[in-house]
C-alpha atoms as a PDB file:
ATOM      1  CA  MET A   1     -11.937 -51.894 -77.811  1.00  0.00           C
ATOM      2  CA  MET A   2      -8.487 -53.451 -78.104  1.00  0.00           C
ATOM      3  CA  ASN A   3      -6.368 -52.629 -81.127  1.00  0.00           C
ATOM      4  CA  LYS A   4      -5.658 -55.802 -83.169  1.00  0.00           C
ATOM      5  CA  LYS A   5      -1.961 -54.907 -83.239  1.00  0.00           C
ATOM      6  CA  MET A   6      -1.889 -55.179 -79.447  1.00  0.00           C
ATOM      7  CA  LEU A   7      -3.760 -58.482 -79.269  1.00  0.00           C
ATOM      8  CA  VAL A   8      -0.930 -60.734 -80.477  1.00  0.00           C
ATOM      9  CA  PRO A   9       1.682 -59.440 -77.993  1.00  0.00           C
ATOM     10  CA  LEU A  10      -0.872 -59.604 -75.189  1.00  0.00           C
ATOM     11  CA  VAL A  11      -1.776 -63.201 -76.019  1.00  0.00           C
ATOM     12  CA  TRP A  12       1.934 -64.054 -76.382  1.00  0.00           C
ATOM     13  CA  GLY A  13       2.820 -62.590 -72.986  1.00  0.00           C
ATOM     14  CA  LEU A  14      -0.107 -64.179 -71.170  1.00  0.00           C
ATOM     15  CA  THR A  15       0.439 -67.542 -72.868  1.00  0.00           C
ATOM     16  CA  VAL A  16       4.110 -67.715 -72.009  1.00  0.00           C
ATOM     17  CA  ALA A  17       3.578 -66.503 -68.444  1.00  0.00           C
ATOM     18  CA  ILE A  18       0.690 -68.843 -67.642  1.00  0.00           C
ATOM     19  CA  LEU A  19       2.051 -71.945 -69.344  1.00  0.00           C
ATOM     20  CA  GLY A  20       5.544 -71.296 -68.021  1.00  0.00           C
ATOM     21  CA  GLY A  21       4.136 -71.032 -64.517  1.00  0.00           C
ATOM     22  CA  LEU A  22       2.194 -74.263 -64.958  1.00  0.00           C
ATOM     23  CA  ALA A  23       5.309 -76.063 -66.233  1.00  0.00           C
ATOM     24  CA  THR A  24       7.398 -74.891 -63.281  1.00  0.00           C
ATOM     25  CA  ASP A  25       7.445 -77.320 -60.371  1.00  0.00           C
ATOM     26  CA  LEU A  26       9.383 -76.143 -57.328  1.00  0.00           C
ATOM     27  CA  GLY A  27       8.705 -79.414 -55.505  1.00  0.00           C
ATOM     28  CA  PRO A  28      11.068 -81.840 -53.751  1.00  0.00           C
ATOM     29  CA  TRP A  29      13.249 -82.604 -56.779  1.00  0.00           C
ATOM     30  CA  TYR A  30      13.944 -78.916 -57.390  1.00  0.00           C
ATOM     31  CA  GLN A  31      14.419 -78.174 -53.679  1.00  0.00           C
ATOM     32  CA  ALA A  32      17.035 -80.948 -53.445  1.00  0.00           C
ATOM     33  CA  LEU A  33      19.216 -79.440 -56.193  1.00  0.00           C
ATOM     34  CA  LYS A  34      22.528 -77.922 -55.172  1.00  0.00           C
ATOM     35  CA  GLU A  35      22.479 -74.304 -56.294  1.00  0.00           C
ATOM     36  CA  PRO A  36      25.332 -71.898 -56.948  1.00  0.00           C
ATOM     37  CA  PHE A  37      25.831 -69.291 -54.247  1.00  0.00           C
ATOM     38  CA  TRP A  38      24.964 -66.474 -56.623  1.00  0.00           C
ATOM     39  CA  LYS A  39      21.524 -67.768 -57.710  1.00  0.00           C
ATOM     40  CA  PRO A  40      18.796 -65.172 -57.206  1.00  0.00           C
ATOM     41  CA  PRO A  41      16.052 -66.179 -54.758  1.00  0.00           C
ATOM     42  CA  ASP A  42      13.152 -68.063 -56.339  1.00  0.00           C
ATOM     43  CA  ILE A  43      10.780 -65.216 -55.430  1.00  0.00           C
ATOM     44  CA  ALA A  44      12.706 -62.900 -57.795  1.00  0.00           C
ATOM     45  CA  PHE A  45      12.017 -64.943 -60.929  1.00  0.00           C
ATOM     46  CA  GLY A  46       8.326 -64.026 -61.276  1.00  0.00           C
ATOM     47  CA  PRO A  47       8.878 -60.252 -61.172  1.00  0.00           C
ATOM     48  CA  ILE A  48      11.935 -60.482 -63.442  1.00  0.00           C
ATOM     49  CA  TRP A  49      10.045 -62.487 -66.072  1.00  0.00           C
ATOM     50  CA  SER A  50       7.046 -60.162 -65.777  1.00  0.00           C
ATOM     51  CA  ILE A  51       9.199 -57.099 -66.478  1.00  0.00           C
ATOM     52  CA  ILE A  52      10.871 -58.883 -69.411  1.00  0.00           C
ATOM     53  CA  PHE A  53       7.523 -59.870 -70.947  1.00  0.00           C
ATOM     54  CA  ILE A  54       6.079 -56.379 -70.457  1.00  0.00           C
ATOM     55  CA  LEU A  55       9.096 -54.745 -72.133  1.00  0.00           C
ATOM     56  CA  SER A  56       9.056 -57.303 -74.939  1.00  0.00           C
ATOM     57  CA  GLY A  57       5.348 -56.795 -75.539  1.00  0.00           C
ATOM     58  CA  MET A  58       5.808 -53.025 -75.559  1.00  0.00           C
ATOM     59  CA  ALA A  59       8.566 -53.350 -78.169  1.00  0.00           C
ATOM     60  CA  TRP A  60       6.439 -55.697 -80.280  1.00  0.00           C
ATOM     61  CA  VAL A  61       3.459 -53.342 -80.220  1.00  0.00           C
ATOM     62  CA  ALA A  62       5.677 -50.346 -80.984  1.00  0.00           C
ATOM     63  CA  VAL A  63       7.183 -52.037 -84.035  1.00  0.00           C
ATOM     64  CA  LYS A  64       3.704 -52.963 -85.265  1.00  0.00           C
ATOM     65  CA  HIS A  65       2.829 -49.244 -85.081  1.00  0.00           C
ATOM     66  CA  LEU A  66       6.097 -48.030 -86.610  1.00  0.00           C
ATOM     67  CA  THR A  67       6.206 -50.150 -89.743  1.00  0.00           C
ATOM     68  CA  SER A  68       3.892 -51.695 -92.271  1.00  0.00           C
ATOM     69  CA  ASN A  69       6.693 -53.802 -93.771  1.00  0.00           C
ATOM     70  CA  ALA A  70       4.985 -57.208 -94.049  1.00  0.00           C
ATOM     71  CA  THR A  71       8.273 -59.113 -94.139  1.00  0.00           C
ATOM     72  CA  ILE A  72       9.529 -57.574 -90.901  1.00  0.00           C
ATOM     73  CA  LEU A  73       6.184 -57.988 -89.162  1.00  0.00           C
ATOM     74  CA  SER A  74       5.869 -61.602 -90.291  1.00  0.00           C
ATOM     75  CA  ARG A  75       9.424 -62.360 -89.177  1.00  0.00           C
ATOM     76  CA  LEU A  76       8.830 -60.660 -85.842  1.00  0.00           C
ATOM     77  CA  ASN A  77       5.624 -62.632 -85.236  1.00  0.00           C
ATOM     78  CA  PHE A  78       7.429 -65.859 -86.130  1.00  0.00           C
ATOM     79  CA  PHE A  79      10.344 -65.138 -83.774  1.00  0.00           C
ATOM     80  CA  PHE A  80       8.070 -64.191 -80.877  1.00  0.00           C
ATOM     81  CA  TRP A  81       6.003 -67.384 -81.206  1.00  0.00           C
ATOM     82  CA  LEU A  82       9.160 -69.475 -81.652  1.00  0.00           C
ATOM     83  CA  ASN A  83      10.520 -67.798 -78.548  1.00  0.00           C
ATOM     84  CA  ALA A  84       7.343 -68.650 -76.620  1.00  0.00           C
ATOM     85  CA  PHE A  85       7.659 -72.291 -77.671  1.00  0.00           C
ATOM     86  CA  LEU A  86      11.341 -72.417 -76.678  1.00  0.00           C
ATOM     87  CA  ASN A  87      10.645 -70.662 -73.384  1.00  0.00           C
ATOM     88  CA  LEU A  88       7.988 -73.232 -72.496  1.00  0.00           C
ATOM     89  CA  LEU A  89      10.096 -76.130 -73.742  1.00  0.00           C
ATOM     90  CA  TRP A  90      12.914 -75.055 -71.439  1.00  0.00           C
ATOM     91  CA  SER A  91      10.588 -75.157 -68.415  1.00  0.00           C
ATOM     92  CA  ILE A  92       9.242 -78.570 -69.412  1.00  0.00           C
ATOM     93  CA  LEU A  93      12.719 -80.035 -69.926  1.00  0.00           C
ATOM     94  CA  TYR A  94      14.069 -78.568 -66.692  1.00  0.00           C
ATOM     95  CA  PHE A  95      11.159 -78.985 -64.295  1.00  0.00           C
ATOM     96  CA  ARG A  96       8.860 -81.694 -65.690  1.00  0.00           C
ATOM     97  CA  PHE A  97      11.476 -83.995 -67.224  1.00  0.00           C
ATOM     98  CA  GLN A  98      13.981 -83.010 -64.505  1.00  0.00           C
ATOM     99  CA  ARG A  99      16.705 -82.676 -67.113  1.00  0.00           C
ATOM    100  CA  PRO A 100      18.700 -79.486 -66.580  1.00  0.00           C
ATOM    101  CA  ASP A 101      21.307 -80.969 -68.929  1.00  0.00           C
ATOM    102  CA  TRP A 102      18.820 -81.099 -71.821  1.00  0.00           C
ATOM    103  CA  SER A 103      17.450 -77.662 -70.955  1.00  0.00           C
ATOM    104  CA  LEU A 104      20.980 -76.253 -71.089  1.00  0.00           C
ATOM    105  CA  TYR A 105      21.311 -77.198 -74.750  1.00  0.00           C
ATOM    106  CA  GLU A 106      17.827 -75.892 -75.475  1.00  0.00           C
ATOM    107  CA  ALA A 107      18.648 -72.605 -73.705  1.00  0.00           C
ATOM    108  CA  VAL A 108      21.113 -71.793 -76.480  1.00  0.00           C
ATOM    109  CA  LEU A 109      18.227 -71.918 -78.968  1.00  0.00           C
ATOM    110  CA  LEU A 110      16.152 -69.748 -76.624  1.00  0.00           C
ATOM    111  CA  TRP A 111      19.001 -67.208 -76.462  1.00  0.00           C
ATOM    112  CA  LEU A 112      19.253 -67.197 -80.259  1.00  0.00           C
ATOM    113  CA  SER A 113      15.499 -66.575 -80.550  1.00  0.00           C
ATOM    114  CA  VAL A 114      15.802 -63.549 -78.254  1.00  0.00           C
ATOM    115  CA  LEU A 115      18.726 -62.260 -80.324  1.00  0.00           C
ATOM    116  CA  ALA A 116      16.649 -62.729 -83.500  1.00  0.00           C
ATOM    117  CA  ILE A 117      13.833 -60.680 -81.939  1.00  0.00           C
ATOM    118  CA  LEU A 118      16.253 -57.934 -80.930  1.00  0.00           C
ATOM    119  CA  LEU A 119      17.885 -57.776 -84.369  1.00  0.00           C
ATOM    120  CA  THR A 120      14.527 -57.783 -86.166  1.00  0.00           C
ATOM    121  CA  ILE A 121      13.227 -54.940 -84.002  1.00  0.00           C
ATOM    122  CA  ARG A 122      16.498 -53.061 -84.497  1.00  0.00           C
ATOM    123  CA  LYS A 123      15.744 -52.857 -88.239  1.00  0.00           C
ATOM    124  CA  VAL A 124      12.781 -50.656 -87.315  1.00  0.00           C
ATOM    125  CA  SER A 125      13.856 -48.980 -84.076  1.00  0.00           C
ATOM    126  CA  THR A 126      17.102 -48.993 -82.127  1.00  0.00           C
ATOM    127  CA  LYS A 127      15.210 -47.578 -79.146  1.00  0.00           C
ATOM    128  CA  TYR A 128      12.722 -50.459 -78.990  1.00  0.00           C
ATOM    129  CA  SER A 129      15.396 -53.065 -79.641  1.00  0.00           C
ATOM    130  CA  LEU A 130      16.877 -51.948 -76.318  1.00  0.00           C
ATOM    131  CA  TYR A 131      13.630 -53.080 -74.660  1.00  0.00           C
ATOM    132  CA  ILE A 132      14.697 -56.634 -75.577  1.00  0.00           C
ATOM    133  CA  LEU A 133      18.180 -56.249 -74.099  1.00  0.00           C
ATOM    134  CA  PRO A 134      17.095 -57.187 -70.525  1.00  0.00           C
ATOM    135  CA  TYR A 135      15.622 -60.398 -71.949  1.00  0.00           C
ATOM    136  CA  LEU A 136      18.888 -61.241 -73.708  1.00  0.00           C
ATOM    137  CA  ILE A 137      20.874 -60.480 -70.556  1.00  0.00           C
ATOM    138  CA  TRP A 138      18.508 -62.507 -68.362  1.00  0.00           C
ATOM    139  CA  VAL A 139      18.634 -65.551 -70.643  1.00  0.00           C
ATOM    140  CA  SER A 140      22.444 -65.236 -70.661  1.00  0.00           C
ATOM    141  CA  ILE A 141      22.427 -65.293 -66.854  1.00  0.00           C
ATOM    142  CA  ALA A 142      19.962 -68.199 -66.906  1.00  0.00           C
ATOM    143  CA  ILE A 143      22.307 -70.193 -69.157  1.00  0.00           C
ATOM    144  CA  VAL A 144      25.176 -69.724 -66.702  1.00  0.00           C
ATOM    145  CA  LEU A 145      22.869 -70.663 -63.818  1.00  0.00           C
ATOM    146  CA  ASN A 146      21.676 -73.710 -65.765  1.00  0.00           C
ATOM    147  CA  TRP A 147      25.324 -74.652 -66.452  1.00  0.00           C
ATOM    148  CA  ASP A 148      26.225 -74.357 -62.762  1.00  0.00           C
ATOM    149  CA  THR A 149      23.200 -76.466 -61.803  1.00  0.00           C
ATOM    150  CA  VAL A 150      24.287 -79.203 -64.211  1.00  0.00           C
ATOM    151  CA  ARG A 151      27.866 -78.965 -62.953  1.00  0.00           C
ATOM    152  CA  LEU A 152      26.837 -79.182 -59.294  1.00  0.00           C
ATOM    153  CA  ASN A 153      24.199 -81.909 -59.679  1.00  0.00           C
ATOM    154  CA  GLY A 154      24.885 -84.003 -62.776  1.00  0.00           C
ATOM    155  CA  PRO A 155      24.737 -86.467 -64.260  1.00  0.00           C
ATOM    156  CA  PHE A 156      20.994 -86.566 -64.838  1.00  0.00           C
ATOM    157  CA  GLY A 157      18.772 -89.287 -66.182  1.00  0.00           C
END
């Protein structure tokens, strides 16, 4: 039987992964975008996001086992669900609305939500806060990639 403390991170990870995948459309509009030379191949994004979500979920579960501080746990739950919303919103803005310019602004909020997760976890465990570092780095790279896409293809709308 699954531990209730593990259920929320599992649902979070699966929700973000599935809905993010459904919101991502690599069709003709996306294929026609000019991309910076340094952009990773599309095939790399799935494994990278999977690793990030696994590490994030592991950190979330660990913190739930390491502390009973209701304020920290409540804050952590809030930031993870906010992060899921922002992650999905980015995909919708970029792929469904075909507005990389809007998603660029939203990506700053996504980055801040990852930082909030990292700092909240750090209050309990420096070790597990490092599990969030790849996520923060990846979103930082994604912002630069998003910026280059806007620069190479804009204006949009």
